[in-house]
Amino acid sequence: MLQQLTNDMKAAMKAGDKLKLSSIRMLRAALKDKEIELGHALEESEALAVTGKLIKQRLDAARQYTEAGREDLSEKELAEAAIFQTYMPEPLSEDELIAIIDQAITDTGASSMRDMGKVMGIVKGKAEGRADIGKLSGIVKSRLS
């Protein structure tokens, strides 16, 4: 991911795309901060988690700007989120999510809501960066109910 970011940053510089350049720099800085915090080079899942967090922050900020009537700032936040999204893997479809959840339920022998933590632990590992955790949680609850 870091090599792709570096290549894209160079391309954005050459093209004079200031928004893309600043967004990539922001993402690289966030990744570097996390790397320093953890004390080791980031694994792919850790880099995806950082990127997902930045996307969520941008979407939340865009919603707040829209509510405040600041469409200009909202559009900028949404554009940054779209740039960050290009570095995320393809999201899982609804059917793929259900298959992962059903497999986790079978593997853990889960039968009630008390087993939700075990199931979510497995599901989160398999769907990291490719699905909304809140959506996953909702599906797991409906399957265990």
N, C-alpha and C. Protein backbone atom coordinates (compact mmCIF):
# COMPACT_ATOMS: atom_id res chain seq x y z
N MET A 1 0.83 -1.19 0.00
CA MET A 1 0.00 0.00 0.00
C MET A 1 0.88 1.26 0.00
N LEU A 2 1.95 1.25 0.79
CA LEU A 2 2.81 2.44 0.87
C LEU A 2 3.46 2.75 -0.47
N GLN A 3 3.87 1.71 -1.20
CA GLN A 3 4.47 1.93 -2.52
C GLN A 3 3.44 2.53 -3.47
N GLN A 4 2.21 2.04 -3.41
CA GLN A 4 1.14 2.57 -4.26
C GLN A 4 0.87 4.03 -3.91
N LEU A 5 0.87 4.35 -2.61
CA LEU A 5 0.67 5.74 -2.18
C LEU A 5 1.77 6.65 -2.71
N THR A 6 3.01 6.17 -2.64
CA THR A 6 4.14 6.97 -3.13
C THR A 6 4.00 7.22 -4.63
N ASN A 7 3.68 6.18 -5.39
CA ASN A 7 3.50 6.34 -6.83
C ASN A 7 2.36 7.30 -7.15
N ASP A 8 1.24 7.16 -6.44
CA ASP A 8 0.09 8.03 -6.67
C ASP A 8 0.41 9.47 -6.27
N MET A 9 1.21 9.64 -5.23
CA MET A 9 1.59 10.98 -4.79
C MET A 9 2.42 11.67 -5.87
N LYS A 10 3.37 10.94 -6.45
CA LYS A 10 4.19 11.50 -7.52
C LYS A 10 3.33 11.88 -8.72
N ALA A 11 2.39 11.01 -9.06
CA ALA A 11 1.49 11.27 -10.19
C ALA A 11 0.64 12.51 -9.92
N ALA A 12 0.14 12.66 -8.68
CA ALA A 12 -0.67 13.82 -8.32
C ALA A 12 0.15 15.09 -8.38
N MET A 13 1.42 15.01 -7.97
CA MET A 13 2.30 16.19 -8.06
C MET A 13 2.47 16.62 -9.51
N LYS A 14 2.75 15.65 -10.37
CA LYS A 14 2.96 15.94 -11.79
C LYS A 14 1.70 16.49 -12.44
N ALA A 15 0.54 15.98 -12.01
CA ALA A 15 -0.72 16.41 -12.60
C ALA A 15 -1.23 17.71 -11.98
N GLY A 16 -0.65 18.12 -10.87
CA GLY A 16 -1.09 19.34 -10.20
C GLY A 16 -2.43 19.16 -9.48
N ASP A 17 -2.74 17.94 -9.09
CA ASP A 17 -3.99 17.64 -8.39
C ASP A 17 -3.78 17.85 -6.90
N LYS A 18 -4.09 19.06 -6.45
CA LYS A 18 -3.80 19.44 -5.06
C LYS A 18 -4.64 18.66 -4.05
N LEU A 19 -5.89 18.41 -4.35
CA LEU A 19 -6.74 17.67 -3.43
C LEU A 19 -6.23 16.25 -3.24
N LYS A 20 -5.92 15.57 -4.34
CA LYS A 20 -5.43 14.20 -4.25
C LYS A 20 -4.08 14.16 -3.53
N LEU A 21 -3.22 15.11 -3.84
CA LEU A 21 -1.91 15.17 -3.21
C LEU A 21 -2.03 15.37 -1.70
N SER A 22 -2.87 16.31 -1.28
CA SER A 22 -3.02 16.55 0.17
C SER A 22 -3.67 15.36 0.86
N SER A 23 -4.60 14.71 0.18
CA SER A 23 -5.26 13.53 0.76
C SER A 23 -4.28 12.38 0.93
N ILE A 24 -3.44 12.15 -0.07
CA ILE A 24 -2.46 11.07 0.02
C ILE A 24 -1.44 11.37 1.11
N ARG A 25 -1.02 12.61 1.20
CA ARG A 25 -0.09 12.99 2.27
C ARG A 25 -0.72 12.78 3.65
N MET A 26 -1.99 13.11 3.76
CA MET A 26 -2.71 12.91 5.02
C MET A 26 -2.75 11.42 5.39
N LEU A 27 -3.05 10.58 4.41
CA LEU A 27 -3.11 9.13 4.64
C LEU A 27 -1.73 8.59 5.00
N ARG A 28 -0.70 9.03 4.28
CA ARG A 28 0.66 8.58 4.59
C ARG A 28 1.07 8.98 6.01
N ALA A 29 0.71 10.19 6.41
CA ALA A 29 1.04 10.67 7.76
C ALA A 29 0.32 9.83 8.82
N ALA A 30 -0.95 9.52 8.57
CA ALA A 30 -1.72 8.70 9.52
C ALA A 30 -1.11 7.31 9.64
N LEU A 31 -0.70 6.74 8.51
CA LEU A 31 -0.07 5.42 8.52
C LEU A 31 1.26 5.45 9.27
N LYS A 32 2.03 6.50 9.04
CA LYS A 32 3.33 6.63 9.72
C LYS A 32 3.13 6.81 11.23
N ASP A 33 2.13 7.61 11.62
CA ASP A 33 1.84 7.80 13.04
C ASP A 33 1.49 6.47 13.71
N LYS A 34 0.67 5.67 13.04
CA LYS A 34 0.27 4.38 13.59
C LYS A 34 1.48 3.44 13.69
N GLU A 35 2.34 3.51 12.68
CA GLU A 35 3.55 2.69 12.68
C GLU A 35 4.44 3.05 13.87
N ILE A 36 4.59 4.32 14.14
CA ILE A 36 5.39 4.79 15.27
C ILE A 36 4.72 4.36 16.59
N GLU A 37 3.41 4.51 16.65
CA GLU A 37 2.67 4.12 17.85
C GLU A 37 2.85 2.64 18.18
N LEU A 38 2.78 1.79 17.14
CA LEU A 38 2.88 0.35 17.34
C LEU A 38 4.33 -0.13 17.46
N GLY A 39 5.25 0.64 16.92
CA GLY A 39 6.66 0.28 17.01
C GLY A 39 7.11 -0.76 16.00
N HIS A 40 6.34 -0.98 14.96
CA HIS A 40 6.74 -1.92 13.89
C HIS A 40 6.07 -1.51 12.59
N ALA A 41 6.57 -2.06 11.49
CA ALA A 41 5.96 -1.80 10.19
C ALA A 41 4.53 -2.34 10.19
N LEU A 42 3.63 -1.58 9.59
CA LEU A 42 2.23 -1.97 9.60
C LEU A 42 1.97 -3.18 8.72
N GLU A 43 1.14 -4.06 9.23
CA GLU A 43 0.66 -5.16 8.41
C GLU A 43 -0.49 -4.62 7.57
N GLU A 44 -0.87 -5.37 6.57
CA GLU A 44 -1.94 -4.93 5.66
C GLU A 44 -3.24 -4.63 6.42
N SER A 45 -3.61 -5.49 7.35
CA SER A 45 -4.86 -5.30 8.08
C SER A 45 -4.81 -4.02 8.93
N GLU A 46 -3.64 -3.72 9.49
CA GLU A 46 -3.50 -2.50 10.29
C GLU A 46 -3.59 -1.26 9.41
N ALA A 47 -2.99 -1.32 8.23
CA ALA A 47 -3.06 -0.19 7.30
C ALA A 47 -4.50 0.02 6.82
N LEU A 48 -5.21 -1.07 6.59
CA LEU A 48 -6.61 -0.96 6.18
C LEU A 48 -7.46 -0.38 7.29
N ALA A 49 -7.17 -0.73 8.53
CA ALA A 49 -7.92 -0.19 9.67
C ALA A 49 -7.72 1.33 9.77
N VAL A 50 -6.49 1.78 9.57
CA VAL A 50 -6.21 3.23 9.61
C VAL A 50 -6.95 3.93 8.48
N THR A 51 -6.89 3.36 7.29
CA THR A 51 -7.57 3.95 6.14
C THR A 51 -9.08 3.99 6.35
N GLY A 52 -9.64 2.91 6.87
CA GLY A 52 -11.07 2.87 7.16
C GLY A 52 -11.47 3.92 8.18
N LYS A 53 -10.63 4.13 9.17
CA LYS A 53 -10.91 5.14 10.19
C LYS A 53 -10.94 6.53 9.57
N LEU A 54 -9.99 6.81 8.67
CA LEU A 54 -9.98 8.12 8.01
C LEU A 54 -11.22 8.32 7.14
N ILE A 55 -11.64 7.27 6.47
CA ILE A 55 -12.85 7.37 5.64
C ILE A 55 -14.05 7.68 6.52
N LYS A 56 -14.17 6.96 7.62
CA LYS A 56 -15.30 7.19 8.53
C LYS A 56 -15.29 8.61 9.07
N GLN A 57 -14.11 9.11 9.44
CA GLN A 57 -14.01 10.48 9.94
C GLN A 57 -14.46 11.48 8.89
N ARG A 58 -14.06 11.26 7.64
CA ARG A 58 -14.43 12.19 6.57
C ARG A 58 -15.94 12.16 6.32
N LEU A 59 -16.53 10.98 6.34
CA LEU A 59 -17.98 10.87 6.12
C LEU A 59 -18.76 11.52 7.25
N ASP A 60 -18.30 11.34 8.49
CA ASP A 60 -18.95 11.99 9.63
C ASP A 60 -18.85 13.50 9.53
N ALA A 61 -17.67 13.99 9.16
CA ALA A 61 -17.46 15.43 9.03
C ALA A 61 -18.34 15.99 7.91
N ALA A 62 -18.43 15.27 6.80
CA ALA A 62 -19.26 15.72 5.68
C ALA A 62 -20.73 15.83 6.10
N ARG A 63 -21.19 14.85 6.87
CA ARG A 63 -22.58 14.88 7.35
C ARG A 63 -22.80 16.10 8.25
N GLN A 64 -21.86 16.37 9.13
CA GLN A 64 -21.98 17.51 10.03
C GLN A 64 -21.94 18.83 9.27
N TYR A 65 -21.08 18.92 8.26
CA TYR A 65 -21.01 20.14 7.45
C TYR A 65 -22.32 20.35 6.68
N THR A 66 -22.89 19.26 6.18
CA THR A 66 -24.15 19.35 5.45
C THR A 66 -25.25 19.86 6.37
N GLU A 67 -25.30 19.32 7.60
CA GLU A 67 -26.31 19.76 8.57
C GLU A 67 -26.14 21.24 8.92
N ALA A 68 -24.88 21.71 8.88
CA ALA A 68 -24.60 23.11 9.21
C ALA A 68 -24.75 24.03 8.00
N GLY A 69 -25.09 23.45 6.83
CA GLY A 69 -25.28 24.27 5.65
C GLY A 69 -23.98 24.64 4.94
N ARG A 70 -22.91 23.93 5.19
CA ARG A 70 -21.61 24.21 4.57
C ARG A 70 -21.32 23.15 3.51
N GLU A 71 -22.02 23.24 2.39
CA GLU A 71 -21.89 22.26 1.32
C GLU A 71 -20.48 22.24 0.73
N ASP A 72 -19.81 23.39 0.69
CA ASP A 72 -18.46 23.44 0.14
C ASP A 72 -17.50 22.55 0.93
N LEU A 73 -17.57 22.65 2.25
CA LEU A 73 -16.70 21.83 3.09
C LEU A 73 -17.12 20.36 3.06
N SER A 74 -18.42 20.13 2.97
CA SER A 74 -18.93 18.77 2.89
C SER A 74 -18.41 18.08 1.62
N GLU A 75 -18.43 18.78 0.51
CA GLU A 75 -17.95 18.22 -0.75
C GLU A 75 -16.47 17.87 -0.67
N LYS A 76 -15.68 18.72 -0.02
CA LYS A 76 -14.25 18.45 0.13
C LYS A 76 -14.02 17.18 0.95
N GLU A 77 -14.76 17.05 2.05
CA GLU A 77 -14.63 15.85 2.89
C GLU A 77 -15.02 14.58 2.12
N LEU A 78 -16.10 14.67 1.35
CA LEU A 78 -16.54 13.52 0.56
C LEU A 78 -15.51 13.16 -0.52
N ALA A 79 -14.89 14.18 -1.11
CA ALA A 79 -13.85 13.93 -2.12
C ALA A 79 -12.65 13.24 -1.50
N GLU A 80 -12.26 13.67 -0.31
CA GLU A 80 -11.14 13.01 0.39
C GLU A 80 -11.50 11.57 0.72
N ALA A 81 -12.72 11.34 1.19
CA ALA A 81 -13.15 9.97 1.51
C ALA A 81 -13.11 9.09 0.26
N ALA A 82 -13.49 9.64 -0.88
CA ALA A 82 -13.47 8.88 -2.13
C ALA A 82 -12.03 8.51 -2.52
N ILE A 83 -11.11 9.42 -2.30
CA ILE A 83 -9.69 9.14 -2.59
C ILE A 83 -9.18 8.04 -1.67
N PHE A 84 -9.49 8.14 -0.38
CA PHE A 84 -9.06 7.10 0.56
C PHE A 84 -9.67 5.75 0.21
N GLN A 85 -10.91 5.77 -0.26
CA GLN A 85 -11.63 4.53 -0.58
C GLN A 85 -10.92 3.75 -1.68
N THR A 86 -10.20 4.43 -2.56
CA THR A 86 -9.51 3.73 -3.64
C THR A 86 -8.41 2.80 -3.13
N TYR A 87 -7.98 2.99 -1.89
CA TYR A 87 -6.93 2.16 -1.31
C TYR A 87 -7.49 1.01 -0.48
N MET A 88 -8.79 0.91 -0.42
CA MET A 88 -9.45 -0.16 0.33
C MET A 88 -9.78 -1.30 -0.63
N PRO A 89 -9.79 -2.54 -0.12
CA PRO A 89 -10.19 -3.66 -0.98
C PRO A 89 -11.67 -3.59 -1.32
N GLU A 90 -12.05 -4.36 -2.30
CA GLU A 90 -13.46 -4.41 -2.73
C GLU A 90 -14.33 -4.87 -1.56
N PRO A 91 -15.42 -4.14 -1.26
CA PRO A 91 -16.29 -4.55 -0.15
C PRO A 91 -16.95 -5.90 -0.43
N LEU A 92 -17.22 -6.62 0.63
CA LEU A 92 -17.89 -7.91 0.51
C LEU A 92 -19.37 -7.70 0.21
N SER A 93 -19.92 -8.59 -0.59
CA SER A 93 -21.36 -8.52 -0.88
C SER A 93 -22.14 -9.06 0.32
N GLU A 94 -23.42 -8.82 0.31
CA GLU A 94 -24.31 -9.30 1.38
C GLU A 94 -24.22 -10.82 1.50
N ASP A 95 -24.23 -11.51 0.36
CA ASP A 95 -24.16 -12.97 0.37
C ASP A 95 -22.84 -13.47 0.95
N GLU A 96 -21.73 -12.78 0.59
CA GLU A 96 -20.42 -13.18 1.12
C GLU A 96 -20.37 -12.98 2.63
N LEU A 97 -20.94 -11.87 3.11
CA LEU A 97 -20.97 -11.60 4.55
C LEU A 97 -21.75 -12.69 5.28
N ILE A 98 -22.90 -13.04 4.75
CA ILE A 98 -23.74 -14.07 5.38
C ILE A 98 -23.01 -15.41 5.39
N ALA A 99 -22.30 -15.72 4.31
CA ALA A 99 -21.56 -16.99 4.26
C ALA A 99 -20.46 -17.01 5.32
N ILE A 100 -19.74 -15.90 5.48
CA ILE A 100 -18.68 -15.81 6.50
C ILE A 100 -19.28 -15.96 7.89
N ILE A 101 -20.39 -15.29 8.13
CA ILE A 101 -21.04 -15.33 9.45
C ILE A 101 -21.55 -16.74 9.75
N ASP A 102 -22.21 -17.35 8.77
CA ASP A 102 -22.73 -18.71 8.98
C ASP A 102 -21.59 -19.69 9.25
N GLN A 103 -20.47 -19.54 8.55
CA GLN A 103 -19.32 -20.41 8.78
C GLN A 103 -18.76 -20.21 10.19
N ALA A 104 -18.70 -18.95 10.64
CA ALA A 104 -18.20 -18.65 11.99
C ALA A 104 -19.12 -19.23 13.05
N ILE A 105 -20.42 -19.15 12.81
CA ILE A 105 -21.38 -19.72 13.76
C ILE A 105 -21.20 -21.23 13.84
N THR A 106 -21.02 -21.88 12.69
CA THR A 106 -20.81 -23.32 12.66
C THR A 106 -19.50 -23.69 13.36
N ASP A 107 -18.42 -22.94 13.06
CA ASP A 107 -17.10 -23.24 13.63
C ASP A 107 -17.08 -23.10 15.15
N THR A 108 -17.80 -22.10 15.67
CA THR A 108 -17.79 -21.87 17.12
C THR A 108 -18.88 -22.64 17.84
N GLY A 109 -19.82 -23.18 17.11
CA GLY A 109 -20.93 -23.88 17.74
C GLY A 109 -21.87 -22.92 18.45
N ALA A 110 -21.90 -21.68 18.00
CA ALA A 110 -22.73 -20.66 18.63
C ALA A 110 -24.20 -20.99 18.47
N SER A 111 -24.95 -20.73 19.56
CA SER A 111 -26.37 -21.03 19.52
C SER A 111 -27.24 -19.92 20.09
N SER A 112 -26.62 -18.94 20.76
CA SER A 112 -27.40 -17.87 21.35
C SER A 112 -26.60 -16.57 21.33
N MET A 113 -27.24 -15.52 21.80
CA MET A 113 -26.59 -14.20 21.83
C MET A 113 -25.36 -14.20 22.74
N ARG A 114 -25.28 -15.11 23.69
CA ARG A 114 -24.12 -15.19 24.57
C ARG A 114 -22.84 -15.52 23.80
N ASP A 115 -23.00 -16.14 22.65
CA ASP A 115 -21.86 -16.55 21.83
C ASP A 115 -21.47 -15.50 20.79
N MET A 116 -22.12 -14.35 20.83
CA MET A 116 -21.88 -13.33 19.81
C MET A 116 -20.42 -12.87 19.77
N GLY A 117 -19.79 -12.74 20.91
CA GLY A 117 -18.39 -12.30 20.96
C GLY A 117 -17.46 -13.23 20.22
N LYS A 118 -17.67 -14.54 20.39
CA LYS A 118 -16.84 -15.52 19.69
C LYS A 118 -17.02 -15.40 18.18
N VAL A 119 -18.26 -15.29 17.77
CA VAL A 119 -18.57 -15.20 16.34
C VAL A 119 -17.99 -13.92 15.75
N MET A 120 -18.21 -12.80 16.44
CA MET A 120 -17.72 -11.51 15.94
C MET A 120 -16.19 -11.50 15.84
N GLY A 121 -15.50 -12.17 16.76
CA GLY A 121 -14.05 -12.24 16.70
C GLY A 121 -13.56 -12.86 15.41
N ILE A 122 -14.20 -13.94 15.01
CA ILE A 122 -13.83 -14.62 13.77
C ILE A 122 -14.22 -13.79 12.55
N VAL A 123 -15.44 -13.27 12.57
CA VAL A 123 -15.97 -12.52 11.43
C VAL A 123 -15.16 -11.25 11.19
N LYS A 124 -14.82 -10.54 12.26
CA LYS A 124 -14.03 -9.32 12.10
C LYS A 124 -12.69 -9.59 11.44
N GLY A 125 -12.06 -10.68 11.79
CA GLY A 125 -10.78 -11.03 11.19
C GLY A 125 -10.88 -11.31 9.70
N LYS A 126 -11.96 -11.95 9.30
CA LYS A 126 -12.13 -12.30 7.89
C LYS A 126 -12.63 -11.14 7.04
N ALA A 127 -13.35 -10.21 7.65
CA ALA A 127 -13.97 -9.13 6.87
C ALA A 127 -13.28 -7.78 7.11
N GLU A 128 -12.14 -7.78 7.77
CA GLU A 128 -11.43 -6.55 8.12
C GLU A 128 -11.24 -5.64 6.90
N GLY A 129 -11.75 -4.43 7.01
CA GLY A 129 -11.59 -3.45 5.94
C GLY A 129 -12.49 -3.67 4.75
N ARG A 130 -13.27 -4.71 4.76
CA ARG A 130 -14.12 -5.01 3.61
C ARG A 130 -15.60 -4.96 3.92
N ALA A 131 -15.93 -4.63 5.19
CA ALA A 131 -17.34 -4.56 5.58
C ALA A 131 -17.49 -3.64 6.78
N ASP A 132 -18.65 -3.04 6.90
CA ASP A 132 -18.96 -2.19 8.04
C ASP A 132 -19.24 -3.09 9.25
N ILE A 133 -18.52 -2.84 10.33
CA ILE A 133 -18.64 -3.68 11.52
C ILE A 133 -20.06 -3.60 12.11
N GLY A 134 -20.68 -2.44 12.05
CA GLY A 134 -22.04 -2.30 12.55
C GLY A 134 -23.02 -3.17 11.77
N LYS A 135 -22.83 -3.21 10.46
CA LYS A 135 -23.68 -4.05 9.61
C LYS A 135 -23.45 -5.53 9.93
N LEU A 136 -22.17 -5.89 10.12
CA LEU A 136 -21.84 -7.27 10.48
C LEU A 136 -22.54 -7.66 11.79
N SER A 137 -22.44 -6.77 12.76
CA SER A 137 -23.03 -7.02 14.07
C SER A 137 -24.53 -7.26 13.95
N GLY A 138 -25.19 -6.46 13.14
CA GLY A 138 -26.63 -6.63 12.94
C GLY A 138 -26.99 -7.98 12.34
N ILE A 139 -26.19 -8.41 11.35
CA ILE A 139 -26.46 -9.70 10.72
C ILE A 139 -26.22 -10.84 11.72
N VAL A 140 -25.12 -10.74 12.50
CA VAL A 140 -24.83 -11.77 13.49
C VAL A 140 -25.96 -11.85 14.51
N LYS A 141 -26.45 -10.70 14.97
CA LYS A 141 -27.56 -10.70 15.94
C LYS A 141 -28.78 -11.39 15.36
N SER A 142 -29.10 -11.08 14.11
CA SER A 142 -30.29 -11.69 13.51
C SER A 142 -30.11 -13.20 13.32
N ARG A 143 -28.89 -13.66 13.06
CA ARG A 143 -28.63 -15.08 12.90
C ARG A 143 -28.67 -15.84 14.22
N LEU A 144 -28.27 -15.16 15.30
CA LEU A 144 -28.22 -15.84 16.61
C LEU A 144 -29.53 -15.73 17.38
N SER A 145 -30.43 -14.89 16.91
CA SER A 145 -31.71 -14.72 17.61
C SER A 145 -32.68 -15.84 17.31
